[in-house]
Amino acid sequence: MTQKWMFPIVCLLLVTGCAGADTPSTSLAADAPILAVHYIDVGQAEATLITWEQDEQAFNMLIDTGDWNDQTTIEYLHEQGVNELDLVVGTHPHADHIGQMADVINEFTVLEAWMSGDETDTLVFERTLDAVLEHKVDYHEPSAGEQVEIGGVTIDVLHPETLNGDLNNGSIVMKLTYGEVSFLFTGDVELQGEEDMLDRGQHLQATVLSMPHHGSNTSSSEPFIEAVQPSYAIYSAGVDNAYDHPGEEALEVVRGTGATIYGTDEVGTIVVSTDGTTVAIQSEREEADCVNINKASVKELQQIAEIGPSRAQQIVDLRPFAALDELTDVDGIGEARLKTIKEEGIACVGQ
């Protein structure tokens, strides 16, 4: 499998006992097939590309496709050299998740498509079904308890069991397992959906969690996150989005497990690669080119707009920060100054 992504390594950690960023560094096995999960920066939307190989055969899977008014996902797939997708999943029919699904099916060879079974009367949804029919794509509406294997990767469907018309809580939730490493993909499932999975006794533990509903406070209940026990949590959200994603309450719950959190609004596209034992995380925005507010000295922090000696010292005293949004805890930094800091693009959060 040709790896097209060229991002700096943020952390490289063994899975065994690797909650948090203090685990000793190691390296991916040079001769092992690598599975890569690309959490694509599609703004206030979601799209995740998964690539791997078995016996020299390449496999590609796409979970959600980004927003209806943006072509980022299409462009990213071309950049990665993708021509064929073994499986495309639309977790639920909201336009920020299936927005480019019709375009993906029209642009690439898609062997199979999964959707939740919920319906809407939107043009985006109708275009998606039309594309499935036009290209004769195998279509399936999975339900909890199903398990499939594609190229040595196991996919367990954990949700939904039944539908009730609640599009978010009807999101397809899947756990993908490769060796000892697992990824939980959650769509926009909210508290009710999380509770349903817990009540059914689903095996939720996963190495990497895709935070539900863009990290919203309507999701990520403490019982659910405790059941997942992620080493890493990743959310997809747009910078300064109108929904205040991610929510501080949700971040606090995830942070309480010791998980390391990454957001596309903070570091751009995130690629998690694994040989089935070890996990490497890479991000689009190079940490070396930013001022890490959790590590920089008082002097270095003053390179950031709106940060003078006094605020720099407060930052040091208040560390660690899970997200740049928490800089509003510093005296004199309100939403306007926070926006200036983000737009400058110098500040970043590292664990």
Protein backbone atom coordinates (compact mmCIF):
# COMPACT_ATOMS: atom_id res chain seq x y z
CA MET A 1 0.00 0.00 0.00
CA THR A 2 1.45 3.33 -1.01
CA GLN A 3 1.31 5.84 1.83
CA LYS A 4 0.65 9.25 0.32
CA TRP A 5 0.20 11.17 3.56
CA MET A 6 3.26 13.14 4.62
CA PHE A 7 2.49 14.53 8.06
CA PRO A 8 4.88 14.93 11.02
CA ILE A 9 4.67 12.26 13.72
CA VAL A 10 2.95 13.67 16.79
CA CYS A 11 3.33 10.58 18.96
CA LEU A 12 4.31 6.97 18.48
CA LEU A 13 3.16 4.65 21.23
CA LEU A 14 2.72 1.02 22.16
CA VAL A 15 -0.90 0.06 22.57
CA THR A 16 -0.38 -2.13 25.62
CA GLY A 17 -0.82 0.06 28.68
CA CYS A 18 -0.72 3.26 26.67
CA ALA A 19 -3.30 5.52 28.27
CA GLY A 20 -1.90 9.03 28.02
CA ALA A 21 1.22 10.43 26.40
CA ASP A 22 3.80 9.26 28.91
CA THR A 23 4.20 5.82 27.35
CA PRO A 24 7.73 5.17 26.00
CA SER A 25 8.13 5.70 22.26
CA THR A 26 8.63 2.79 19.91
CA SER A 27 8.32 2.21 16.17
CA LEU A 28 5.94 0.48 13.82
CA ALA A 29 7.15 -2.90 12.59
CA ALA A 30 8.95 -2.33 9.30
CA ASP A 31 7.65 -5.53 7.70
CA ALA A 32 4.05 -5.43 8.98
CA PRO A 33 1.12 -4.27 6.83
CA ILE A 34 -0.03 -0.86 8.04
CA LEU A 35 -3.63 0.18 8.52
CA ALA A 36 -4.12 3.95 8.39
CA VAL A 37 -7.19 5.84 9.56
CA HIS A 38 -7.42 9.35 8.09
CA TYR A 39 -9.66 11.71 10.06
CA ILE A 40 -10.03 14.25 7.27
CA ASP A 41 -10.33 17.93 8.13
CA VAL A 42 -13.67 18.71 6.47
CA GLY A 43 -14.62 21.61 8.73
CA GLN A 44 -17.91 21.27 10.61
CA ALA A 45 -18.60 17.85 9.13
CA GLU A 46 -17.09 14.37 9.22
CA ALA A 47 -15.24 12.04 6.84
CA THR A 48 -12.84 9.22 7.66
CA LEU A 49 -10.77 7.24 5.15
CA ILE A 50 -9.33 3.86 6.16
CA THR A 51 -6.64 2.21 4.06
CA TRP A 52 -4.83 -1.11 4.51
CA GLU A 53 -3.63 -4.16 2.61
CA GLN A 54 -3.56 -7.91 2.91
CA ASP A 55 -1.53 -10.26 0.73
CA GLU A 56 -0.52 -7.28 -1.44
CA GLN A 57 -4.16 -6.38 -2.10
CA ALA A 58 -5.16 -2.83 -1.17
CA PHE A 59 -8.41 -2.10 0.66
CA ASN A 60 -10.11 1.27 1.12
CA MET A 61 -13.09 2.21 3.27
CA LEU A 62 -14.80 5.57 3.78
CA ILE A 63 -16.98 6.41 6.78
CA ASP A 64 -19.04 9.54 6.10
CA THR A 65 -18.15 11.92 3.32
CA GLY A 66 -18.14 15.53 4.55
CA ASP A 67 -20.57 18.35 3.91
CA TRP A 68 -22.77 18.86 0.86
CA ASN A 69 -21.18 22.19 -0.16
CA ASP A 70 -17.54 21.15 -0.03
CA GLN A 71 -15.30 18.91 -2.17
CA THR A 72 -12.54 18.32 0.38
CA THR A 73 -13.22 14.59 0.67
CA ILE A 74 -13.12 14.05 -3.08
CA GLU A 75 -9.87 16.00 -3.32
CA TYR A 76 -8.31 14.11 -0.41
CA LEU A 77 -9.15 10.71 -1.88
CA HIS A 78 -7.48 11.73 -5.14
CA GLU A 79 -4.43 12.96 -3.24
CA GLN A 80 -4.17 9.56 -1.53
CA GLY A 81 -4.31 7.75 -4.86
CA VAL A 82 -7.66 6.10 -4.13
CA ASN A 83 -9.47 4.74 -7.19
CA GLU A 84 -11.73 2.15 -5.61
CA LEU A 85 -13.59 1.96 -2.31
CA ASP A 86 -14.54 -1.44 -0.92
CA LEU A 87 -17.07 0.08 1.43
CA VAL A 88 -18.63 3.52 1.91
CA VAL A 89 -20.68 4.09 5.06
CA GLY A 90 -23.09 6.96 5.61
CA THR A 91 -23.62 6.78 9.36
CA HIS A 92 -26.88 8.77 9.12
CA PRO A 93 -28.51 10.98 6.47
CA HIS A 94 -27.55 14.45 7.73
CA ALA A 95 -25.88 16.59 5.06
CA ASP A 96 -22.66 17.07 7.04
CA HIS A 97 -22.12 13.29 6.97
CA ILE A 98 -23.46 12.11 3.59
CA GLY A 99 -22.97 15.45 1.86
CA GLN A 100 -20.47 14.15 -0.71
CA MET A 101 -21.62 10.53 -0.80
CA ALA A 102 -23.26 10.85 -4.22
CA ASP A 103 -20.15 12.59 -5.56
CA VAL A 104 -17.92 9.85 -4.14
CA ILE A 105 -20.02 7.15 -5.80
CA ASN A 106 -20.03 9.07 -9.08
CA GLU A 107 -16.27 9.73 -8.95
CA PHE A 108 -14.85 6.41 -7.69
CA THR A 109 -15.62 2.73 -8.06
CA VAL A 110 -17.65 1.85 -4.94
CA LEU A 111 -18.28 -1.83 -4.30
CA GLU A 112 -20.69 -1.56 -1.36
CA ALA A 113 -22.58 1.19 0.48
CA TRP A 114 -24.07 1.10 3.96
CA MET A 115 -26.67 3.52 5.32
CA SER A 116 -28.63 3.54 8.56
CA GLY A 117 -32.06 3.06 6.99
CA ASP A 118 -33.39 6.39 8.25
CA GLU A 119 -34.75 8.61 5.49
CA THR A 120 -35.09 12.33 4.84
CA ASP A 121 -36.66 14.37 2.07
CA THR A 122 -33.47 16.35 1.38
CA LEU A 123 -31.87 16.64 -2.04
CA VAL A 124 -28.60 15.33 -0.59
CA PHE A 125 -30.29 12.10 0.52
CA GLU A 126 -32.15 11.68 -2.77
CA ARG A 127 -28.95 12.25 -4.79
CA THR A 128 -27.18 9.62 -2.69
CA LEU A 129 -29.82 6.96 -3.35
CA ASP A 130 -29.89 7.88 -7.04
CA ALA A 131 -26.11 7.40 -7.26
CA VAL A 132 -26.34 4.01 -5.54
CA LEU A 133 -28.98 2.88 -8.02
CA GLU A 134 -27.30 4.36 -11.08
CA HIS A 135 -23.96 2.68 -10.38
CA LYS A 136 -25.55 -0.56 -9.14
CA VAL A 137 -23.67 -0.37 -5.84
CA ASP A 138 -24.41 -3.20 -3.41
CA TYR A 139 -26.52 -1.62 -0.67
CA HIS A 140 -27.01 -2.68 2.96
CA GLU A 141 -28.58 -1.32 6.14
CA PRO A 142 -26.61 -2.95 8.97
CA SER A 143 -27.88 -3.52 12.50
CA ALA A 144 -26.33 -4.25 15.88
CA GLY A 145 -24.78 -7.69 16.15
CA GLU A 146 -23.55 -8.00 12.58
CA GLN A 147 -19.89 -8.75 11.98
CA VAL A 148 -18.00 -8.73 8.70
CA GLU A 149 -14.35 -9.20 7.77
CA ILE A 150 -12.69 -7.30 4.95
CA GLY A 151 -9.06 -8.03 4.15
CA GLY A 152 -8.18 -9.23 7.65
CA VAL A 153 -9.99 -6.34 9.36
CA THR A 154 -13.01 -7.16 11.53
CA ILE A 155 -15.96 -4.77 11.59
CA ASP A 156 -18.53 -5.16 14.37
CA VAL A 157 -21.78 -3.23 14.06
CA LEU A 158 -22.81 -2.05 17.53
CA HIS A 159 -25.75 0.23 16.70
CA PRO A 160 -28.58 0.70 15.83
CA GLU A 161 -30.63 -2.33 16.74
CA THR A 162 -33.86 -0.69 15.61
CA LEU A 163 -34.77 2.74 14.22
CA ASN A 164 -37.23 5.25 15.67
CA GLY A 165 -36.77 8.22 13.35
CA ASP A 166 -34.18 9.98 15.52
CA LEU A 167 -31.48 10.47 12.89
CA ASN A 168 -28.60 11.14 15.28
CA ASN A 169 -29.39 8.27 17.64
CA GLY A 170 -29.95 6.02 14.64
CA SER A 171 -26.35 6.53 13.53
CA ILE A 172 -24.40 3.44 12.53
CA VAL A 173 -21.80 2.75 15.22
CA MET A 174 -18.98 0.36 14.29
CA LYS A 175 -15.86 -1.02 15.89
CA LEU A 176 -13.02 -1.84 13.53
CA THR A 177 -10.36 -4.22 14.88
CA TYR A 178 -6.92 -4.79 13.39
CA GLY A 179 -4.74 -7.06 15.51
CA GLU A 180 -4.69 -5.67 19.05
CA VAL A 181 -5.80 -2.21 17.96
CA SER A 182 -9.41 -1.11 17.63
CA PHE A 183 -11.23 1.99 16.42
CA LEU A 184 -14.75 3.03 17.45
CA PHE A 185 -16.72 5.13 14.94
CA THR A 186 -19.85 6.73 16.36
CA GLY A 187 -21.45 9.11 13.85
CA ASP A 188 -23.71 11.56 15.68
CA VAL A 189 -25.04 9.13 18.27
CA GLU A 190 -26.20 10.92 21.42
CA LEU A 191 -26.90 9.99 25.05
CA GLN A 192 -29.89 7.76 24.26
CA GLY A 193 -27.96 5.77 21.68
CA GLU A 194 -25.03 5.43 24.07
CA GLU A 195 -27.38 4.17 26.78
CA ASP A 196 -28.93 1.66 24.37
CA MET A 197 -25.52 0.20 23.56
CA LEU A 198 -24.64 -0.05 27.25
CA ASP A 199 -27.99 -1.74 28.01
CA ARG A 200 -27.34 -4.32 25.28
CA GLY A 201 -23.93 -5.09 26.77
CA GLN A 202 -22.03 -4.19 23.61
CA HIS A 203 -18.27 -4.56 23.86
CA LEU A 204 -17.31 -0.92 23.46
CA GLN A 205 -13.66 -0.84 24.55
CA ALA A 206 -11.48 0.65 21.82
CA THR A 207 -7.99 2.06 21.43
CA VAL A 208 -9.14 5.09 19.42
CA LEU A 209 -12.52 6.74 19.81
CA SER A 210 -14.11 8.99 17.23
CA MET A 211 -15.98 11.25 19.65
CA PRO A 212 -19.73 11.16 19.01
CA HIS A 213 -21.49 14.14 17.40
CA HIS A 214 -18.32 16.20 16.82
CA GLY A 215 -17.55 16.16 20.54
CA SER A 216 -20.90 17.66 21.49
CA ASN A 217 -22.11 17.76 25.10
CA THR A 218 -25.19 15.85 23.90
CA SER A 219 -22.94 12.77 23.75
CA SER A 220 -19.94 11.22 25.55
CA SER A 221 -21.72 10.31 28.79
CA GLU A 222 -19.45 9.19 31.59
CA PRO A 223 -20.73 5.56 31.57
CA PHE A 224 -20.19 5.33 27.81
CA ILE A 225 -16.67 6.76 27.88
CA GLU A 226 -15.79 4.57 30.85
CA ALA A 227 -16.90 1.55 28.82
CA VAL A 228 -14.81 2.61 25.81
CA GLN A 229 -11.69 3.44 27.85
CA PRO A 230 -9.93 5.00 24.83
CA SER A 231 -6.23 5.72 24.76
CA TYR A 232 -6.93 8.40 22.15
CA ALA A 233 -10.04 10.39 21.28
CA ILE A 234 -10.48 12.33 18.05
CA TYR A 235 -13.25 14.74 17.12
CA SER A 236 -14.06 16.45 13.82
CA ALA A 237 -15.18 20.07 14.08
CA GLY A 238 -14.82 23.38 12.28
CA VAL A 239 -12.87 26.29 13.71
CA ASP A 240 -15.20 28.69 15.58
CA ASN A 241 -18.24 26.64 14.53
CA ALA A 242 -21.72 27.87 15.44
CA TYR A 243 -22.46 24.77 17.55
CA ASP A 244 -19.62 25.27 20.08
CA HIS A 245 -18.22 21.85 19.22
CA PRO A 246 -16.45 20.30 20.98
CA GLY A 247 -18.30 20.76 24.25
CA GLU A 248 -16.24 21.33 27.38
CA GLU A 249 -18.31 18.82 29.38
CA ALA A 250 -17.65 16.08 26.82
CA LEU A 251 -13.94 16.90 26.71
CA GLU A 252 -13.79 16.78 30.50
CA VAL A 253 -15.36 13.32 30.59
CA VAL A 254 -12.92 11.96 28.00
CA ARG A 255 -10.00 13.70 29.66
CA GLY A 256 -10.94 11.95 32.89
CA THR A 257 -10.04 8.56 31.40
CA GLY A 258 -6.50 9.72 30.65
CA ALA A 259 -7.08 9.68 26.91
CA THR A 260 -5.14 12.01 24.65
CA ILE A 261 -7.50 14.22 22.61
CA TYR A 262 -6.97 15.50 19.07
CA GLY A 263 -9.32 17.72 17.06
CA THR A 264 -9.33 18.57 13.37
CA ASP A 265 -10.09 22.18 14.30
CA GLU A 266 -6.80 22.29 16.19
CA VAL A 267 -4.38 20.25 14.06
CA GLY A 268 -6.12 19.63 10.73
CA THR A 269 -6.29 16.16 9.21
CA ILE A 270 -5.16 13.44 11.61
CA VAL A 271 -3.78 10.06 10.50
CA VAL A 272 -3.61 7.19 12.96
CA SER A 273 -1.54 4.29 11.62
CA THR A 274 -1.01 0.89 13.20
CA ASP A 275 0.68 -2.43 12.55
CA GLY A 276 -1.86 -4.11 14.81
CA THR A 277 0.24 -3.65 17.94
CA THR A 278 1.64 -0.12 17.87
CA VAL A 279 -0.10 3.17 17.14
CA ALA A 280 1.45 6.23 15.44
CA ILE A 281 -0.43 9.51 15.23
CA GLN A 282 0.37 12.16 12.67
CA SER A 283 -1.22 15.55 12.09
CA GLU A 284 -1.37 17.95 9.19
CA ARG A 285 -0.11 20.98 11.10
CA GLU A 286 3.44 20.48 12.19
CA GLU A 287 3.98 20.97 15.91
CA ALA A 288 7.50 22.22 15.24
CA ASP A 289 5.99 25.22 13.46
CA CYS A 290 3.71 26.19 16.33
CA VAL A 291 3.98 27.33 19.92
CA ASN A 292 2.76 24.48 22.12
CA ILE A 293 0.92 26.18 24.98
CA ASN A 294 1.45 23.12 27.18
CA LYS A 295 5.23 23.09 26.75
CA ALA A 296 6.47 26.54 25.67
CA SER A 297 8.38 28.80 28.03
CA VAL A 298 7.04 32.15 29.20
CA LYS A 299 9.24 33.83 26.60
CA GLU A 300 8.15 31.51 23.78
CA LEU A 301 4.46 31.98 24.63
CA GLN A 302 4.82 35.70 23.98
CA GLN A 303 5.23 34.95 20.27
CA ILE A 304 1.46 34.34 20.24
CA ALA A 305 -0.82 37.27 19.46
CA GLU A 306 -2.47 38.85 22.54
CA ILE A 307 -0.03 37.09 24.90
CA GLY A 308 2.21 39.32 27.00
CA PRO A 309 4.40 38.40 30.01
CA SER A 310 1.52 38.31 32.50
CA ARG A 311 -0.76 36.15 30.35
CA ALA A 312 2.16 33.90 29.42
CA GLN A 313 2.81 33.23 33.09
CA GLN A 314 -0.89 32.50 33.67
CA ILE A 315 -0.82 29.98 30.84
CA VAL A 316 2.12 28.21 32.48
CA ASP A 317 0.30 28.22 35.84
CA LEU A 318 -2.97 26.88 34.36
CA ARG A 319 -1.46 24.05 32.31
CA PRO A 320 -2.34 21.58 30.91
CA PHE A 321 -4.87 22.74 28.33
CA ALA A 322 -6.90 20.23 26.33
CA ALA A 323 -7.88 22.74 23.65
CA LEU A 324 -7.11 26.31 22.62
CA ASP A 325 -10.66 27.24 23.67
CA GLU A 326 -9.55 26.87 27.29
CA LEU A 327 -7.34 29.96 26.91
CA THR A 328 -10.44 31.93 27.89
CA ASP A 329 -9.55 30.86 31.46
CA VAL A 330 -6.65 33.34 31.22
CA ASP A 331 -7.47 36.84 32.48
CA GLY A 332 -8.20 39.22 29.61
CA ILE A 333 -8.68 36.53 26.93
CA GLY A 334 -12.27 36.54 25.77
CA GLU A 335 -13.87 35.21 22.61
CA ALA A 336 -12.54 38.06 20.45
CA ARG A 337 -8.92 37.59 21.54
CA LEU A 338 -9.28 33.80 21.29
CA LYS A 339 -10.44 34.20 17.70
CA THR A 340 -7.40 36.36 16.91
CA ILE A 341 -5.10 33.73 18.44
CA LYS A 342 -6.68 30.95 16.40
CA GLU A 343 -6.63 32.89 13.16
CA GLU A 344 -2.93 33.66 13.60
CA GLY A 345 -2.30 29.91 13.57
CA ILE A 346 0.81 29.97 15.77
CA ALA A 347 -0.62 28.48 18.97
CA CYS A 348 -1.27 24.77 19.28
CA VAL A 349 -2.06 22.22 21.96
CA GLY A 350 0.24 19.26 22.54
CA GLN A 351 -0.03 16.65 25.20
